[in-house]
Amino acid sequence: QVQLVESGGGLVQAGGSLRLSCAASGVIANYNAMGWSRQAPGKERELVAHVTRGGYKDYADSVKGRFTISRDNAKNMVYLQMNSLNVEDTAVYYCGARATDWSSFGGWGQGTQVTVSE
């Protein structure tokens, strides 16, 4: 299983931007898709974005138009550009991998905290 390490979180004011990074120990091109999820206190984990090996991207409705996921297979890195942040985006963000179209995302890293203040 690939090891994933997230970074780039922090405290930002509403309306601001952050770019999260995910460093993989293995070859991400071997995985069907890479994704970002988040979990806020008292809430279930939510898959917010994913990008397939072929480059197809999909987003949760809550972040569509504000977040952009990208992957750099040469560097085994995955990114999440987050713009127009609001307090509802406050959560721990995790990077994960999916082996096939029929499997779930897993291999989540330790997460990076994103806190958006008013």
N, C-alpha and C. Protein backbone atom coordinates (compact mmCIF):
# COMPACT_ATOMS: atom_id res chain seq x y z
N GLN A 1 0.84 -1.18 0.00
CA GLN A 1 0.00 0.00 0.00
C GLN A 1 0.89 1.25 0.00
N VAL A 2 0.55 2.20 -0.83
CA VAL A 2 1.33 3.43 -0.90
C VAL A 2 1.19 4.20 0.40
N GLN A 3 2.26 4.83 0.82
CA GLN A 3 2.24 5.71 1.99
C GLN A 3 2.05 7.14 1.51
N LEU A 4 1.12 7.84 2.14
CA LEU A 4 0.78 9.19 1.70
C LEU A 4 1.00 10.17 2.85
N VAL A 5 1.59 11.30 2.55
CA VAL A 5 1.86 12.32 3.56
C VAL A 5 1.32 13.65 3.06
N GLU A 6 0.36 14.20 3.81
CA GLU A 6 -0.26 15.47 3.44
C GLU A 6 0.46 16.63 4.12
N SER A 7 0.42 17.77 3.46
CA SER A 7 0.99 19.00 4.04
C SER A 7 0.31 20.20 3.41
N GLY A 8 0.55 21.36 3.99
CA GLY A 8 0.05 22.59 3.41
C GLY A 8 -1.13 23.21 4.12
N GLY A 9 -1.65 22.53 5.13
CA GLY A 9 -2.77 23.09 5.87
C GLY A 9 -2.35 24.28 6.71
N GLY A 10 -3.34 24.93 7.30
CA GLY A 10 -3.04 26.08 8.15
C GLY A 10 -4.29 26.86 8.46
N LEU A 11 -4.07 28.05 9.00
CA LEU A 11 -5.15 28.96 9.35
C LEU A 11 -5.24 30.03 8.28
N VAL A 12 -6.43 30.24 7.77
CA VAL A 12 -6.64 31.23 6.72
C VAL A 12 -7.96 31.93 6.96
N GLN A 13 -8.04 33.18 6.55
CA GLN A 13 -9.30 33.91 6.68
C GLN A 13 -10.27 33.51 5.57
N ALA A 14 -11.53 33.67 5.86
CA ALA A 14 -12.56 33.38 4.86
C ALA A 14 -12.27 34.20 3.60
N GLY A 15 -12.42 33.52 2.46
CA GLY A 15 -12.11 34.16 1.19
C GLY A 15 -10.70 33.90 0.70
N GLY A 16 -9.88 33.35 1.58
CA GLY A 16 -8.50 33.09 1.23
C GLY A 16 -8.30 31.77 0.51
N SER A 17 -7.02 31.44 0.28
CA SER A 17 -6.67 30.25 -0.48
C SER A 17 -5.57 29.47 0.24
N LEU A 18 -5.57 28.17 -0.02
CA LEU A 18 -4.51 27.30 0.44
C LEU A 18 -4.26 26.25 -0.63
N ARG A 19 -3.04 25.74 -0.66
CA ARG A 19 -2.72 24.65 -1.57
C ARG A 19 -2.19 23.48 -0.74
N LEU A 20 -2.89 22.39 -0.78
CA LEU A 20 -2.47 21.20 -0.08
C LEU A 20 -1.64 20.31 -1.00
N SER A 21 -0.67 19.64 -0.41
CA SER A 21 0.18 18.71 -1.16
C SER A 21 0.12 17.33 -0.53
N CYS A 22 0.27 16.33 -1.37
CA CYS A 22 0.28 14.94 -0.91
C CYS A 22 1.46 14.25 -1.57
N ALA A 23 2.39 13.80 -0.75
CA ALA A 23 3.57 13.10 -1.26
C ALA A 23 3.38 11.60 -1.08
N ALA A 24 3.56 10.87 -2.16
CA ALA A 24 3.37 9.42 -2.14
C ALA A 24 4.71 8.71 -2.14
N SER A 25 4.79 7.63 -1.37
CA SER A 25 6.03 6.85 -1.33
C SER A 25 6.15 5.93 -2.54
N GLY A 26 5.01 5.65 -3.18
CA GLY A 26 5.01 4.75 -4.31
C GLY A 26 4.66 5.46 -5.60
N VAL A 27 4.40 4.69 -6.63
CA VAL A 27 4.10 5.23 -7.95
C VAL A 27 2.59 5.45 -8.06
N ILE A 28 2.16 6.69 -8.06
CA ILE A 28 0.72 6.95 -8.07
C ILE A 28 0.09 6.59 -9.40
N ALA A 29 0.89 6.51 -10.45
CA ALA A 29 0.35 6.12 -11.75
C ALA A 29 -0.18 4.69 -11.73
N ASN A 30 0.23 3.91 -10.73
CA ASN A 30 -0.26 2.55 -10.60
C ASN A 30 -1.68 2.48 -10.06
N TYR A 31 -2.16 3.60 -9.55
CA TYR A 31 -3.48 3.63 -8.94
C TYR A 31 -4.52 4.20 -9.89
N ASN A 32 -5.71 3.64 -9.81
CA ASN A 32 -6.82 4.06 -10.67
C ASN A 32 -7.15 5.52 -10.47
N ALA A 33 -7.08 5.98 -9.22
CA ALA A 33 -7.41 7.37 -8.93
C ALA A 33 -6.77 7.80 -7.62
N MET A 34 -6.56 9.09 -7.49
CA MET A 34 -6.10 9.71 -6.25
C MET A 34 -7.16 10.71 -5.82
N GLY A 35 -7.33 10.84 -4.50
CA GLY A 35 -8.39 11.73 -4.04
C GLY A 35 -8.06 12.45 -2.76
N TRP A 36 -8.88 13.45 -2.49
CA TRP A 36 -8.80 14.19 -1.23
C TRP A 36 -10.14 14.08 -0.53
N SER A 37 -10.08 13.81 0.75
CA SER A 37 -11.29 13.80 1.56
C SER A 37 -11.07 14.73 2.74
N ARG A 38 -12.13 15.01 3.46
CA ARG A 38 -12.01 15.85 4.66
C ARG A 38 -12.98 15.36 5.72
N GLN A 39 -12.64 15.65 6.94
CA GLN A 39 -13.50 15.30 8.05
C GLN A 39 -13.49 16.42 9.07
N ALA A 40 -14.66 16.98 9.30
CA ALA A 40 -14.83 18.01 10.31
C ALA A 40 -15.29 17.37 11.61
N PRO A 41 -15.05 18.01 12.74
CA PRO A 41 -15.47 17.44 14.02
C PRO A 41 -16.96 17.11 14.04
N GLY A 42 -17.28 15.90 14.43
CA GLY A 42 -18.67 15.48 14.53
C GLY A 42 -19.33 15.15 13.22
N LYS A 43 -18.57 15.18 12.14
CA LYS A 43 -19.14 14.88 10.81
C LYS A 43 -18.44 13.69 10.18
N GLU A 44 -19.12 13.08 9.23
CA GLU A 44 -18.53 11.96 8.51
C GLU A 44 -17.49 12.46 7.50
N ARG A 45 -16.58 11.54 7.17
CA ARG A 45 -15.59 11.90 6.16
C ARG A 45 -16.29 12.09 4.81
N GLU A 46 -15.85 13.11 4.10
CA GLU A 46 -16.44 13.48 2.81
C GLU A 46 -15.35 13.48 1.74
N LEU A 47 -15.58 12.75 0.66
CA LEU A 47 -14.65 12.80 -0.47
C LEU A 47 -14.93 14.09 -1.22
N VAL A 48 -13.96 14.98 -1.30
CA VAL A 48 -14.20 16.29 -1.91
C VAL A 48 -13.72 16.37 -3.35
N ALA A 49 -12.73 15.57 -3.70
CA ALA A 49 -12.21 15.63 -5.06
C ALA A 49 -11.43 14.38 -5.38
N HIS A 50 -11.48 13.97 -6.65
CA HIS A 50 -10.61 12.89 -7.06
C HIS A 50 -10.24 13.07 -8.53
N VAL A 51 -9.11 12.50 -8.89
CA VAL A 51 -8.63 12.56 -10.26
C VAL A 51 -8.20 11.15 -10.66
N THR A 52 -8.67 10.70 -11.80
CA THR A 52 -8.35 9.35 -12.25
C THR A 52 -7.02 9.31 -12.98
N ARG A 53 -6.57 8.11 -13.23
CA ARG A 53 -5.32 7.92 -13.97
C ARG A 53 -5.40 8.59 -15.33
N GLY A 54 -6.58 8.59 -15.90
CA GLY A 54 -6.77 9.19 -17.22
C GLY A 54 -6.98 10.69 -17.20
N GLY A 55 -7.03 11.28 -15.98
CA GLY A 55 -7.15 12.72 -15.88
C GLY A 55 -8.55 13.24 -15.63
N TYR A 56 -9.53 12.33 -15.54
CA TYR A 56 -10.90 12.78 -15.23
C TYR A 56 -10.94 13.27 -13.79
N LYS A 57 -11.60 14.41 -13.58
CA LYS A 57 -11.70 15.00 -12.24
C LYS A 57 -13.15 15.14 -11.84
N ASP A 58 -13.41 14.92 -10.58
CA ASP A 58 -14.76 15.10 -10.06
C ASP A 58 -14.67 15.72 -8.68
N TYR A 59 -15.72 16.50 -8.34
CA TYR A 59 -15.72 17.25 -7.09
C TYR A 59 -17.06 17.12 -6.38
N ALA A 60 -17.00 17.21 -5.07
CA ALA A 60 -18.24 17.31 -4.31
C ALA A 60 -18.90 18.64 -4.63
N ASP A 61 -20.21 18.65 -4.58
CA ASP A 61 -20.94 19.89 -4.89
C ASP A 61 -20.50 21.03 -3.99
N SER A 62 -20.13 20.70 -2.76
CA SER A 62 -19.79 21.73 -1.78
C SER A 62 -18.50 22.49 -2.15
N VAL A 63 -17.67 21.92 -3.02
CA VAL A 63 -16.40 22.57 -3.35
C VAL A 63 -16.27 22.87 -4.84
N LYS A 64 -17.24 22.44 -5.62
CA LYS A 64 -17.15 22.60 -7.07
C LYS A 64 -17.01 24.08 -7.42
N GLY A 65 -16.07 24.37 -8.30
CA GLY A 65 -15.84 25.74 -8.71
C GLY A 65 -14.85 26.49 -7.83
N ARG A 66 -14.51 25.90 -6.68
CA ARG A 66 -13.57 26.56 -5.76
C ARG A 66 -12.29 25.76 -5.57
N PHE A 67 -12.40 24.45 -5.62
CA PHE A 67 -11.24 23.58 -5.42
C PHE A 67 -10.81 22.97 -6.75
N THR A 68 -9.51 22.74 -6.88
CA THR A 68 -8.97 22.09 -8.07
C THR A 68 -7.96 21.04 -7.64
N ILE A 69 -8.18 19.81 -8.10
CA ILE A 69 -7.25 18.73 -7.80
C ILE A 69 -6.34 18.53 -9.00
N SER A 70 -5.10 18.18 -8.72
CA SER A 70 -4.16 17.89 -9.80
C SER A 70 -3.18 16.82 -9.32
N ARG A 71 -2.55 16.18 -10.28
CA ARG A 71 -1.58 15.16 -9.94
C ARG A 71 -0.35 15.31 -10.84
N ASP A 72 0.80 15.03 -10.27
CA ASP A 72 2.05 15.05 -11.01
C ASP A 72 2.65 13.66 -10.89
N ASN A 73 2.41 12.83 -11.90
CA ASN A 73 2.86 11.45 -11.83
C ASN A 73 4.39 11.34 -11.77
N ALA A 74 5.07 12.28 -12.40
CA ALA A 74 6.54 12.23 -12.41
C ALA A 74 7.11 12.43 -11.01
N LYS A 75 6.41 13.23 -10.22
CA LYS A 75 6.88 13.51 -8.85
C LYS A 75 6.13 12.69 -7.81
N ASN A 76 5.14 11.93 -8.24
CA ASN A 76 4.30 11.17 -7.30
C ASN A 76 3.67 12.10 -6.25
N MET A 77 3.10 13.19 -6.76
CA MET A 77 2.49 14.20 -5.91
C MET A 77 1.05 14.44 -6.35
N VAL A 78 0.21 14.76 -5.39
CA VAL A 78 -1.17 15.15 -5.65
C VAL A 78 -1.40 16.47 -4.92
N TYR A 79 -2.14 17.36 -5.54
CA TYR A 79 -2.36 18.69 -4.97
C TYR A 79 -3.85 18.99 -4.89
N LEU A 80 -4.19 19.88 -3.98
CA LEU A 80 -5.55 20.40 -3.90
C LEU A 80 -5.45 21.91 -3.71
N GLN A 81 -5.77 22.64 -4.75
CA GLN A 81 -5.82 24.11 -4.68
C GLN A 81 -7.21 24.50 -4.19
N MET A 82 -7.25 25.22 -3.09
CA MET A 82 -8.53 25.60 -2.49
C MET A 82 -8.64 27.12 -2.48
N ASN A 83 -9.63 27.63 -3.17
CA ASN A 83 -9.87 29.07 -3.26
C ASN A 83 -11.22 29.42 -2.64
N SER A 84 -11.40 30.67 -2.35
CA SER A 84 -12.66 31.17 -1.78
C SER A 84 -13.09 30.32 -0.59
N LEU A 85 -12.17 30.10 0.30
CA LEU A 85 -12.46 29.25 1.46
C LEU A 85 -13.48 29.90 2.38
N ASN A 86 -14.30 29.07 2.99
CA ASN A 86 -15.26 29.56 3.98
C ASN A 86 -15.18 28.68 5.23
N VAL A 87 -15.83 29.10 6.28
CA VAL A 87 -15.68 28.42 7.57
C VAL A 87 -16.14 26.96 7.50
N GLU A 88 -17.05 26.68 6.56
CA GLU A 88 -17.53 25.29 6.42
C GLU A 88 -16.46 24.37 5.83
N ASP A 89 -15.38 24.94 5.33
CA ASP A 89 -14.27 24.13 4.80
C ASP A 89 -13.31 23.70 5.89
N THR A 90 -13.51 24.18 7.09
CA THR A 90 -12.64 23.80 8.21
C THR A 90 -12.76 22.30 8.47
N ALA A 91 -11.63 21.61 8.42
CA ALA A 91 -11.61 20.16 8.57
C ALA A 91 -10.17 19.67 8.51
N VAL A 92 -10.00 18.39 8.80
CA VAL A 92 -8.73 17.73 8.52
C VAL A 92 -8.86 17.13 7.13
N TYR A 93 -7.88 17.41 6.29
CA TYR A 93 -7.90 16.96 4.91
C TYR A 93 -6.93 15.79 4.74
N TYR A 94 -7.39 14.77 4.03
CA TYR A 94 -6.63 13.54 3.84
C TYR A 94 -6.49 13.23 2.36
N CYS A 95 -5.37 12.61 2.04
CA CYS A 95 -5.11 12.15 0.67
C CYS A 95 -5.24 10.64 0.65
N GLY A 96 -5.85 10.12 -0.41
CA GLY A 96 -6.04 8.68 -0.50
C GLY A 96 -5.88 8.19 -1.93
N ALA A 97 -5.84 6.88 -2.06
CA ALA A 97 -5.67 6.25 -3.37
C ALA A 97 -6.73 5.18 -3.58
N ARG A 98 -7.09 4.97 -4.84
CA ARG A 98 -8.06 3.93 -5.20
C ARG A 98 -7.44 3.02 -6.23
N ALA A 99 -7.52 1.72 -5.94
CA ALA A 99 -6.81 0.77 -6.80
C ALA A 99 -7.55 0.51 -8.12
N THR A 100 -8.88 0.39 -8.04
CA THR A 100 -9.68 0.08 -9.23
C THR A 100 -10.96 0.91 -9.20
N ASP A 101 -11.71 0.84 -10.29
CA ASP A 101 -13.00 1.54 -10.36
C ASP A 101 -13.97 1.03 -9.30
N TRP A 102 -13.76 -0.24 -8.85
CA TRP A 102 -14.73 -0.85 -7.96
C TRP A 102 -14.28 -0.86 -6.50
N SER A 103 -13.11 -0.31 -6.23
CA SER A 103 -12.64 -0.29 -4.85
C SER A 103 -12.87 1.07 -4.23
N SER A 104 -12.72 1.12 -2.93
CA SER A 104 -12.88 2.38 -2.21
C SER A 104 -11.52 3.06 -2.09
N PHE A 105 -11.56 4.34 -1.83
CA PHE A 105 -10.33 5.05 -1.53
C PHE A 105 -9.81 4.60 -0.17
N GLY A 106 -8.51 4.51 -0.06
CA GLY A 106 -7.90 4.11 1.20
C GLY A 106 -6.47 4.59 1.26
N GLY A 107 -5.76 4.07 2.23
CA GLY A 107 -4.38 4.47 2.41
C GLY A 107 -4.24 5.89 2.87
N TRP A 108 -5.28 6.39 3.54
CA TRP A 108 -5.25 7.79 3.97
C TRP A 108 -4.03 8.10 4.82
N GLY A 109 -3.48 9.29 4.58
CA GLY A 109 -2.35 9.74 5.39
C GLY A 109 -2.80 10.22 6.75
N GLN A 110 -1.92 10.95 7.43
CA GLN A 110 -2.24 11.43 8.78
C GLN A 110 -3.11 12.68 8.74
N GLY A 111 -3.22 13.29 7.60
CA GLY A 111 -4.08 14.46 7.45
C GLY A 111 -3.37 15.77 7.73
N THR A 112 -3.95 16.84 7.22
CA THR A 112 -3.45 18.18 7.49
C THR A 112 -4.65 19.06 7.83
N GLN A 113 -4.50 19.83 8.90
CA GLN A 113 -5.62 20.63 9.41
C GLN A 113 -5.76 21.93 8.62
N VAL A 114 -6.97 22.19 8.19
CA VAL A 114 -7.31 23.46 7.55
C VAL A 114 -8.35 24.15 8.43
N THR A 115 -8.05 25.35 8.85
CA THR A 115 -8.96 26.13 9.68
C THR A 115 -9.22 27.45 9.00
N VAL A 116 -10.49 27.73 8.75
CA VAL A 116 -10.89 28.98 8.11
C VAL A 116 -11.63 29.83 9.13
N SER A 117 -11.12 31.04 9.33
CA SER A 117 -11.73 31.94 10.30
C SER A 117 -12.59 32.99 9.59
N GLU A 118 -13.53 33.56 10.34
CA GLU A 118 -14.42 34.58 9.78
C GLU A 118 -13.63 35.80 9.34
